[in-house]
Amino acid sequence: MYPCAGNSGQRYARIGDTIVVTVKDALPQGGIKKGTVAKAVIVRTTNKLRRKDGSYIRFDDNAVVLLNQSDEPRGHGYSDR
């Protein structure tokens, strides 16, 4: 779980939550620079998530998708399925 900043008392964020992040590593030719503060949505966590049918899902790593000013995914590699 990720710590949440200023979300009306919410302490931790889960899959699907929007959070504020800082870019730690960036590629030299990338469109975002190291140290940039941006909004992102959580798409994978190593913490277990319980589904309605009782099963659990867990991923091998944590991942977020950066968002632009209008809360749309930044970049072109994402699609709605």
PDB file of N, CA and C in Angstrom:
ATOM      1  N   MET A   1       0.834  -1.172   0.000  1.00  0.00           N
ATOM      2  CA  MET A   1       0.000   0.000   0.000  1.00  0.00           C
ATOM      3  C   MET A   1       0.882   1.240   0.000  1.00  0.00           C
ATOM      4  N   TYR A   2       0.397   2.249  -0.647  1.00  0.00           N
ATOM      5  CA  TYR A   2       1.120   3.503  -0.728  1.00  0.00           C
ATOM      6  C   TYR A   2       0.542   4.487   0.272  1.00  0.00           C
ATOM      7  N   PRO A   3       1.383   5.292   0.947  1.00  0.00           N
ATOM      8  CA  PRO A   3       0.841   6.323   1.817  1.00  0.00           C
ATOM      9  C   PRO A   3       0.137   7.401   0.996  1.00  0.00           C
ATOM     10  N   CYS A   4      -0.977   7.890   1.480  1.00  0.00           N
ATOM     11  CA  CYS A   4      -1.774   8.907   0.785  1.00  0.00           C
ATOM     12  C   CYS A   4      -1.527  10.267   1.433  1.00  0.00           C
ATOM     13  N   ALA A   5      -1.442  11.291   0.632  1.00  0.00           N
ATOM     14  CA  ALA A   5      -1.235  12.637   1.150  1.00  0.00           C
ATOM     15  C   ALA A   5      -2.506  13.455   1.000  1.00  0.00           C
ATOM     16  N   GLY A   6      -3.061  13.901   2.112  1.00  0.00           N
ATOM     17  CA  GLY A   6      -4.170  14.845   2.103  1.00  0.00           C
ATOM     18  C   GLY A   6      -5.429  14.373   1.414  1.00  0.00           C
ATOM     19  N   ASN A   7      -5.821  13.137   1.571  1.00  0.00           N
ATOM     20  CA  ASN A   7      -7.015  12.636   0.906  1.00  0.00           C
ATOM     21  C   ASN A   7      -8.135  12.467   1.927  1.00  0.00           C
ATOM     22  N   SER A   8      -8.517  13.532   2.572  1.00  0.00           N
ATOM     23  CA  SER A   8      -9.588  13.592   3.580  1.00  0.00           C
ATOM     24  C   SER A   8      -9.471  12.465   4.602  1.00  0.00           C
ATOM     25  N   GLY A   9      -8.281  12.297   5.132  1.00  0.00           N
ATOM     26  CA  GLY A   9      -8.076  11.354   6.214  1.00  0.00           C
ATOM     27  C   GLY A   9      -7.682   9.955   5.779  1.00  0.00           C
ATOM     28  N   GLN A  10      -7.679   9.669   4.483  1.00  0.00           N
ATOM     29  CA  GLN A  10      -7.291   8.342   4.015  1.00  0.00           C
ATOM     30  C   GLN A  10      -5.794   8.175   4.196  1.00  0.00           C
ATOM     31  N   ARG A  11      -5.377   7.041   4.770  1.00  0.00           N
ATOM     32  CA  ARG A  11      -3.962   6.839   5.066  1.00  0.00           C
ATOM     33  C   ARG A  11      -3.218   6.092   3.979  1.00  0.00           C
ATOM     34  N   TYR A  12      -3.871   5.126   3.335  1.00  0.00           N
ATOM     35  CA  TYR A  12      -3.194   4.312   2.339  1.00  0.00           C
ATOM     36  C   TYR A  12      -4.026   4.227   1.069  1.00  0.00           C
ATOM     37  N   ALA A  13      -3.345   4.034  -0.065  1.00  0.00           N
ATOM     38  CA  ALA A  13      -4.017   3.936  -1.355  1.00  0.00           C
ATOM     39  C   ALA A  13      -3.914   2.508  -1.866  1.00  0.00           C
ATOM     40  N   ARG A  14      -4.904   2.108  -2.655  1.00  0.00           N
ATOM     41  CA  ARG A  14      -4.928   0.772  -3.241  1.00  0.00           C
ATOM     42  C   ARG A  14      -5.062   0.884  -4.748  1.00  0.00           C
ATOM     43  N   ILE A  15      -5.198  -0.241  -5.428  1.00  0.00           N
ATOM     44  CA  ILE A  15      -5.340  -0.265  -6.880  1.00  0.00           C
ATOM     45  C   ILE A  15      -6.536   0.573  -7.299  1.00  0.00           C
ATOM     46  N   GLY A  16      -6.320   1.463  -8.271  1.00  0.00           N
ATOM     47  CA  GLY A  16      -7.372   2.332  -8.777  1.00  0.00           C
ATOM     48  C   GLY A  16      -7.402   3.704  -8.147  1.00  0.00           C
ATOM     49  N   ASP A  17      -6.680   3.928  -7.066  1.00  0.00           N
ATOM     50  CA  ASP A  17      -6.651   5.235  -6.398  1.00  0.00           C
ATOM     51  C   ASP A  17      -5.676   6.168  -7.103  1.00  0.00           C
ATOM     52  N   THR A  18      -5.995   7.454  -7.094  1.00  0.00           N
ATOM     53  CA  THR A  18      -5.117   8.481  -7.654  1.00  0.00           C
ATOM     54  C   THR A  18      -4.269   9.053  -6.529  1.00  0.00           C
ATOM     55  N   ILE A  19      -2.958   9.143  -6.763  1.00  0.00           N
ATOM     56  CA  ILE A  19      -2.024   9.647  -5.759  1.00  0.00           C
ATOM     57  C   ILE A  19      -1.105  10.680  -6.400  1.00  0.00           C
ATOM     58  N   VAL A  20      -0.377  11.415  -5.561  1.00  0.00           N
ATOM     59  CA  VAL A  20       0.632  12.368  -6.026  1.00  0.00           C
ATOM     60  C   VAL A  20       1.993  11.706  -5.849  1.00  0.00           C
ATOM     61  N   VAL A  21       2.805  11.698  -6.912  1.00  0.00           N
ATOM     62  CA  VAL A  21       4.095  11.012  -6.891  1.00  0.00           C
ATOM     63  C   VAL A  21       5.213  11.959  -7.322  1.00  0.00           C
ATOM     64  N   THR A  22       6.444  11.570  -7.010  1.00  0.00           N
ATOM     65  CA  THR A  22       7.646  12.247  -7.481  1.00  0.00           C
ATOM     66  C   THR A  22       8.430  11.265  -8.333  1.00  0.00           C
ATOM     67  N   VAL A  23       8.897  11.709  -9.479  1.00  0.00           N
ATOM     68  CA  VAL A  23       9.654  10.845 -10.383  1.00  0.00           C
ATOM     69  C   VAL A  23      11.051  10.647  -9.805  1.00  0.00           C
ATOM     70  N   LYS A  24      11.417   9.379  -9.528  1.00  0.00           N
ATOM     71  CA  LYS A  24      12.721   9.059  -8.947  1.00  0.00           C
ATOM     72  C   LYS A  24      13.774   8.802 -10.020  1.00  0.00           C
ATOM     73  N   ASP A  25      13.419   8.059 -11.068  1.00  0.00           N
ATOM     74  CA  ASP A  25      14.321   7.745 -12.169  1.00  0.00           C
ATOM     75  C   ASP A  25      13.626   8.078 -13.477  1.00  0.00           C
ATOM     76  N   ALA A  26      14.377   8.597 -14.445  1.00  0.00           N
ATOM     77  CA  ALA A  26      13.809   8.933 -15.746  1.00  0.00           C
ATOM     78  C   ALA A  26      14.838   8.669 -16.834  1.00  0.00           C
ATOM     79  N   LEU A  27      14.352   8.296 -17.998  1.00  0.00           N
ATOM     80  CA  LEU A  27      15.228   8.092 -19.148  1.00  0.00           C
ATOM     81  C   LEU A  27      15.631   9.443 -19.728  1.00  0.00           C
ATOM     82  N   PRO A  28      16.850   9.574 -20.261  1.00  0.00           N
ATOM     83  CA  PRO A  28      17.304  10.854 -20.813  1.00  0.00           C
ATOM     84  C   PRO A  28      16.428  11.360 -21.960  1.00  0.00           C
ATOM     85  N   GLN A  29      15.925  10.463 -22.802  1.00  0.00           N
ATOM     86  CA  GLN A  29      15.112  10.888 -23.936  1.00  0.00           C
ATOM     87  C   GLN A  29      13.624  10.919 -23.594  1.00  0.00           C
ATOM     88  N   GLY A  30      13.255  10.659 -22.339  1.00  0.00           N
ATOM     89  CA  GLY A  30      11.853  10.623 -21.929  1.00  0.00           C
ATOM     90  C   GLY A  30      11.249  12.021 -21.846  1.00  0.00           C
ATOM     91  N   GLY A  31       9.937  12.053 -21.786  1.00  0.00           N
ATOM     92  CA  GLY A  31       9.217  13.320 -21.754  1.00  0.00           C
ATOM     93  C   GLY A  31       9.027  13.896 -20.364  1.00  0.00           C
ATOM     94  N   ILE A  32       9.498  13.204 -19.339  1.00  0.00           N
ATOM     95  CA  ILE A  32       9.361  13.689 -17.965  1.00  0.00           C
ATOM     96  C   ILE A  32      10.724  13.646 -17.297  1.00  0.00           C
ATOM     97  N   LYS A  33      11.006  14.631 -16.473  1.00  0.00           N
ATOM     98  CA  LYS A  33      12.317  14.761 -15.851  1.00  0.00           C
ATOM     99  C   LYS A  33      12.304  14.256 -14.416  1.00  0.00           C
ATOM    100  N   LYS A  34      13.471  13.883 -13.918  1.00  0.00           N
ATOM    101  CA  LYS A  34      13.628  13.442 -12.539  1.00  0.00           C
ATOM    102  C   LYS A  34      13.254  14.582 -11.585  1.00  0.00           C
ATOM    103  N   GLY A  35      12.526  14.264 -10.536  1.00  0.00           N
ATOM    104  CA  GLY A  35      12.126  15.259  -9.558  1.00  0.00           C
ATOM    105  C   GLY A  35      10.784  15.910  -9.850  1.00  0.00           C
ATOM    106  N   THR A  36      10.173  15.589 -10.975  1.00  0.00           N
ATOM    107  CA  THR A  36       8.878  16.164 -11.333  1.00  0.00           C
ATOM    108  C   THR A  36       7.789  15.588 -10.423  1.00  0.00           C
ATOM    109  N   VAL A  37       6.910  16.455  -9.947  1.00  0.00           N
ATOM    110  CA  VAL A  37       5.763  16.032  -9.151  1.00  0.00           C
ATOM    111  C   VAL A  37       4.576  15.884 -10.097  1.00  0.00           C
ATOM    112  N   ALA A  38       3.906  14.718 -10.039  1.00  0.00           N
ATOM    113  CA  ALA A  38       2.804  14.440 -10.955  1.00  0.00           C
ATOM    114  C   ALA A  38       1.742  13.619 -10.241  1.00  0.00           C
ATOM    115  N   LYS A  39       0.565  13.551 -10.855  1.00  0.00           N
ATOM    116  CA  LYS A  39      -0.483  12.668 -10.363  1.00  0.00           C
ATOM    117  C   LYS A  39      -0.377  11.341 -11.091  1.00  0.00           C
ATOM    118  N   ALA A  40      -0.760  10.251 -10.392  1.00  0.00           N
ATOM    119  CA  ALA A  40      -0.690   8.917 -10.986  1.00  0.00           C
ATOM    120  C   ALA A  40      -1.805   8.059 -10.406  1.00  0.00           C
ATOM    121  N   VAL A  41      -2.167   7.014 -11.152  1.00  0.00           N
ATOM    122  CA  VAL A  41      -3.146   6.035 -10.675  1.00  0.00           C
ATOM    123  C   VAL A  41      -2.422   4.701 -10.486  1.00  0.00           C
ATOM    124  N   ILE A  42      -2.713   4.015  -9.392  1.00  0.00           N
ATOM    125  CA  ILE A  42      -2.061   2.751  -9.072  1.00  0.00           C
ATOM    126  C   ILE A  42      -2.693   1.637  -9.910  1.00  0.00           C
ATOM    127  N   VAL A  43      -1.850   0.863 -10.604  1.00  0.00           N
ATOM    128  CA  VAL A  43      -2.355  -0.226 -11.446  1.00  0.00           C
ATOM    129  C   VAL A  43      -1.915  -1.613 -10.964  1.00  0.00           C
ATOM    130  N   ARG A  44      -0.820  -1.723 -10.218  1.00  0.00           N
ATOM    131  CA  ARG A  44      -0.370  -2.999  -9.675  1.00  0.00           C
ATOM    132  C   ARG A  44       0.257  -2.767  -8.311  1.00  0.00           C
ATOM    133  N   THR A  45       0.014  -3.712  -7.379  1.00  0.00           N
ATOM    134  CA  THR A  45       0.660  -3.681  -6.067  1.00  0.00           C
ATOM    135  C   THR A  45       1.082  -5.088  -5.678  1.00  0.00           C
ATOM    136  N   THR A  46       2.111  -5.188  -4.842  1.00  0.00           N
ATOM    137  CA  THR A  46       2.542  -6.485  -4.335  1.00  0.00           C
ATOM    138  C   THR A  46       1.661  -6.936  -3.175  1.00  0.00           C
ATOM    139  N   ASN A  47       0.897  -6.028  -2.612  1.00  0.00           N
ATOM    140  CA  ASN A  47      -0.034  -6.377  -1.543  1.00  0.00           C
ATOM    141  C   ASN A  47      -1.239  -7.107  -2.127  1.00  0.00           C
ATOM    142  N   LYS A  48      -1.748  -8.112  -1.407  1.00  0.00           N
ATOM    143  CA  LYS A  48      -2.871  -8.893  -1.911  1.00  0.00           C
ATOM    144  C   LYS A  48      -4.139  -8.041  -1.992  1.00  0.00           C
ATOM    145  N   LEU A  49      -4.934  -8.301  -3.042  1.00  0.00           N
ATOM    146  CA  LEU A  49      -6.227  -7.648  -3.227  1.00  0.00           C
ATOM    147  C   LEU A  49      -7.279  -8.742  -3.296  1.00  0.00           C
ATOM    148  N   ARG A  50      -8.291  -8.657  -2.425  1.00  0.00           N
ATOM    149  CA  ARG A  50      -9.326  -9.679  -2.395  1.00  0.00           C
ATOM    150  C   ARG A  50     -10.429  -9.327  -3.382  1.00  0.00           C
ATOM    151  N   ARG A  51     -10.795 -10.299  -4.218  1.00  0.00           N
ATOM    152  CA  ARG A  51     -11.880 -10.116  -5.176  1.00  0.00           C
ATOM    153  C   ARG A  51     -13.214 -10.491  -4.535  1.00  0.00           C
ATOM    154  N   LYS A  52     -14.311 -10.126  -5.199  1.00  0.00           N
ATOM    155  CA  LYS A  52     -15.638 -10.412  -4.658  1.00  0.00           C
ATOM    156  C   LYS A  52     -15.923 -11.910  -4.566  1.00  0.00           C
ATOM    157  N   ASP A  53     -15.296 -12.717  -5.441  1.00  0.00           N
ATOM    158  CA  ASP A  53     -15.526 -14.166  -5.407  1.00  0.00           C
ATOM    159  C   ASP A  53     -14.693 -14.869  -4.334  1.00  0.00           C
ATOM    160  N   GLY A  54     -13.908 -14.121  -3.580  1.00  0.00           N
ATOM    161  CA  GLY A  54     -13.123 -14.689  -2.486  1.00  0.00           C
ATOM    162  C   GLY A  54     -11.685 -14.994  -2.835  1.00  0.00           C
ATOM    163  N   SER A  55     -11.325 -14.925  -4.094  1.00  0.00           N
ATOM    164  CA  SER A  55      -9.941 -15.194  -4.485  1.00  0.00           C
ATOM    165  C   SER A  55      -9.086 -13.948  -4.265  1.00  0.00           C
ATOM    166  N   TYR A  56      -7.784 -14.150  -4.223  1.00  0.00           N
ATOM    167  CA  TYR A  56      -6.840 -13.065  -4.032  1.00  0.00           C
ATOM    168  C   TYR A  56      -5.996 -12.903  -5.277  1.00  0.00           C
ATOM    169  N   ILE A  57      -5.594 -11.665  -5.571  1.00  0.00           N
ATOM    170  CA  ILE A  57      -4.691 -11.395  -6.683  1.00  0.00           C
ATOM    171  C   ILE A  57      -3.525 -10.578  -6.133  1.00  0.00           C
ATOM    172  N   ARG A  58      -2.317 -10.964  -6.568  1.00  0.00           N
ATOM    173  CA  ARG A  58      -1.117 -10.252  -6.125  1.00  0.00           C
ATOM    174  C   ARG A  58      -0.162 -10.192  -7.305  1.00  0.00           C
ATOM    175  N   PHE A  59       0.509  -9.054  -7.480  1.00  0.00           N
ATOM    176  CA  PHE A  59       1.451  -8.858  -8.575  1.00  0.00           C
ATOM    177  C   PHE A  59       2.878  -8.929  -8.048  1.00  0.00           C
ATOM    178  N   ASP A  60       3.836  -9.105  -8.954  1.00  0.00           N
ATOM    179  CA  ASP A  60       5.240  -9.213  -8.571  1.00  0.00           C
ATOM    180  C   ASP A  60       5.877  -7.872  -8.255  1.00  0.00           C
ATOM    181  N   ASP A  61       5.286  -6.775  -8.749  1.00  0.00           N
ATOM    182  CA  ASP A  61       5.879  -5.459  -8.524  1.00  0.00           C
ATOM    183  C   ASP A  61       4.781  -4.418  -8.367  1.00  0.00           C
ATOM    184  N   ASN A  62       5.189  -3.234  -7.944  1.00  0.00           N
ATOM    185  CA  ASN A  62       4.282  -2.094  -7.830  1.00  0.00           C
ATOM    186  C   ASN A  62       4.402  -1.256  -9.096  1.00  0.00           C
ATOM    187  N   ALA A  63       3.274  -0.693  -9.558  1.00  0.00           N
ATOM    188  CA  ALA A  63       3.321   0.129 -10.767  1.00  0.00           C
ATOM    189  C   ALA A  63       2.214   1.174 -10.737  1.00  0.00           C
ATOM    190  N   VAL A  64       2.524   2.337 -11.322  1.00  0.00           N
ATOM    191  CA  VAL A  64       1.543   3.409 -11.480  1.00  0.00           C
ATOM    192  C   VAL A  64       1.581   3.899 -12.922  1.00  0.00           C
ATOM    193  N   VAL A  65       0.502   4.566 -13.331  1.00  0.00           N
ATOM    194  CA  VAL A  65       0.441   5.210 -14.639  1.00  0.00           C
ATOM    195  C   VAL A  65       0.337   6.705 -14.389  1.00  0.00           C
ATOM    196  N   LEU A  66       1.250   7.472 -14.953  1.00  0.00           N
ATOM    197  CA  LEU A  66       1.237   8.918 -14.770  1.00  0.00           C
ATOM    198  C   LEU A  66       0.051   9.528 -15.522  1.00  0.00           C
ATOM    199  N   LEU A  67      -0.522  10.579 -14.931  1.00  0.00           N
ATOM    200  CA  LEU A  67      -1.671  11.265 -15.515  1.00  0.00           C
ATOM    201  C   LEU A  67      -1.288  12.683 -15.920  1.00  0.00           C
ATOM    202  N   ASN A  68      -1.968  13.214 -16.955  1.00  0.00           N
ATOM    203  CA  ASN A  68      -1.737  14.601 -17.358  1.00  0.00           C
ATOM    204  C   ASN A  68      -2.688  15.515 -16.588  1.00  0.00           C
ATOM    205  N   GLN A  69      -2.774  16.792 -16.967  1.00  0.00           N
ATOM    206  CA  GLN A  69      -3.581  17.766 -16.229  1.00  0.00           C
ATOM    207  C   GLN A  69      -5.075  17.432 -16.231  1.00  0.00           C
ATOM    208  N   SER A  70      -5.555  16.765 -17.294  1.00  0.00           N
ATOM    209  CA  SER A  70      -6.982  16.428 -17.379  1.00  0.00           C
ATOM    210  C   SER A  70      -7.255  14.995 -16.918  1.00  0.00           C
ATOM    211  N   ASP A  71      -6.363  14.435 -16.109  1.00  0.00           N
ATOM    212  CA  ASP A  71      -6.494  13.100 -15.519  1.00  0.00           C
ATOM    213  C   ASP A  71      -6.643  11.988 -16.552  1.00  0.00           C
ATOM    214  N   GLU A  72      -5.986  12.124 -17.682  1.00  0.00           N
ATOM    215  CA  GLU A  72      -5.910  11.073 -18.688  1.00  0.00           C
ATOM    216  C   GLU A  72      -4.500  10.497 -18.645  1.00  0.00           C
ATOM    217  N   PRO A  73      -4.335   9.217 -19.027  1.00  0.00           N
ATOM    218  CA  PRO A  73      -2.991   8.619 -19.009  1.00  0.00           C
ATOM    219  C   PRO A  73      -2.009   9.388 -19.879  1.00  0.00           C
ATOM    220  N   ARG A  74      -0.826   9.626 -19.342  1.00  0.00           N
ATOM    221  CA  ARG A  74       0.216  10.321 -20.071  1.00  0.00           C
ATOM    222  C   ARG A  74       0.940   9.307 -20.944  1.00  0.00           C
ATOM    223  N   GLY A  75       1.082   9.547 -22.216  1.00  0.00           N
ATOM    224  CA  GLY A  75       1.704   8.614 -23.125  1.00  0.00           C
ATOM    225  C   GLY A  75       0.691   7.985 -24.051  1.00  0.00           C
ATOM    226  N   HIS A  76       1.108   6.951 -24.780  1.00  0.00           N
ATOM    227  CA  HIS A  76       0.230   6.367 -25.783  1.00  0.00           C
ATOM    228  C   HIS A  76       0.121   4.857 -25.682  1.00  0.00           C
ATOM    229  N   GLY A  77       0.759   4.226 -24.726  1.00  0.00           N
ATOM    230  CA  GLY A  77       0.777   2.778 -24.635  1.00  0.00           C
ATOM    231  C   GLY A  77      -0.357   2.176 -23.820  1.00  0.00           C
ATOM    232  N   TYR A  78      -1.382   2.956 -23.475  1.00  0.00           N
ATOM    233  CA  TYR A  78      -2.457   2.472 -22.623  1.00  0.00           C
ATOM    234  C   TYR A  78      -3.754   2.472 -23.404  1.00  0.00           C
ATOM    235  N   SER A  79      -4.587   1.464 -23.156  1.00  0.00           N
ATOM    236  CA  SER A  79      -5.889   1.402 -23.840  1.00  0.00           C
ATOM    237  C   SER A  79      -6.958   0.952 -22.863  1.00  0.00           C
ATOM    238  N   ASP A  80      -8.197   1.274 -23.153  1.00  0.00           N
ATOM    239  CA  ASP A  80      -9.338   0.831 -22.354  1.00  0.00           C
ATOM    240  C   ASP A  80      -9.794  -0.506 -22.890  1.00  0.00           C
ATOM    241  N   ARG A  81      -9.714  -1.533 -22.055  1.00  0.00           N
ATOM    242  CA  ARG A  81     -10.139  -2.867 -22.503  1.00  0.00           C
ATOM    243  C   ARG A  81     -11.326  -3.314 -21.718  1.00  0.00           C
TER     244      ARG A  81
END
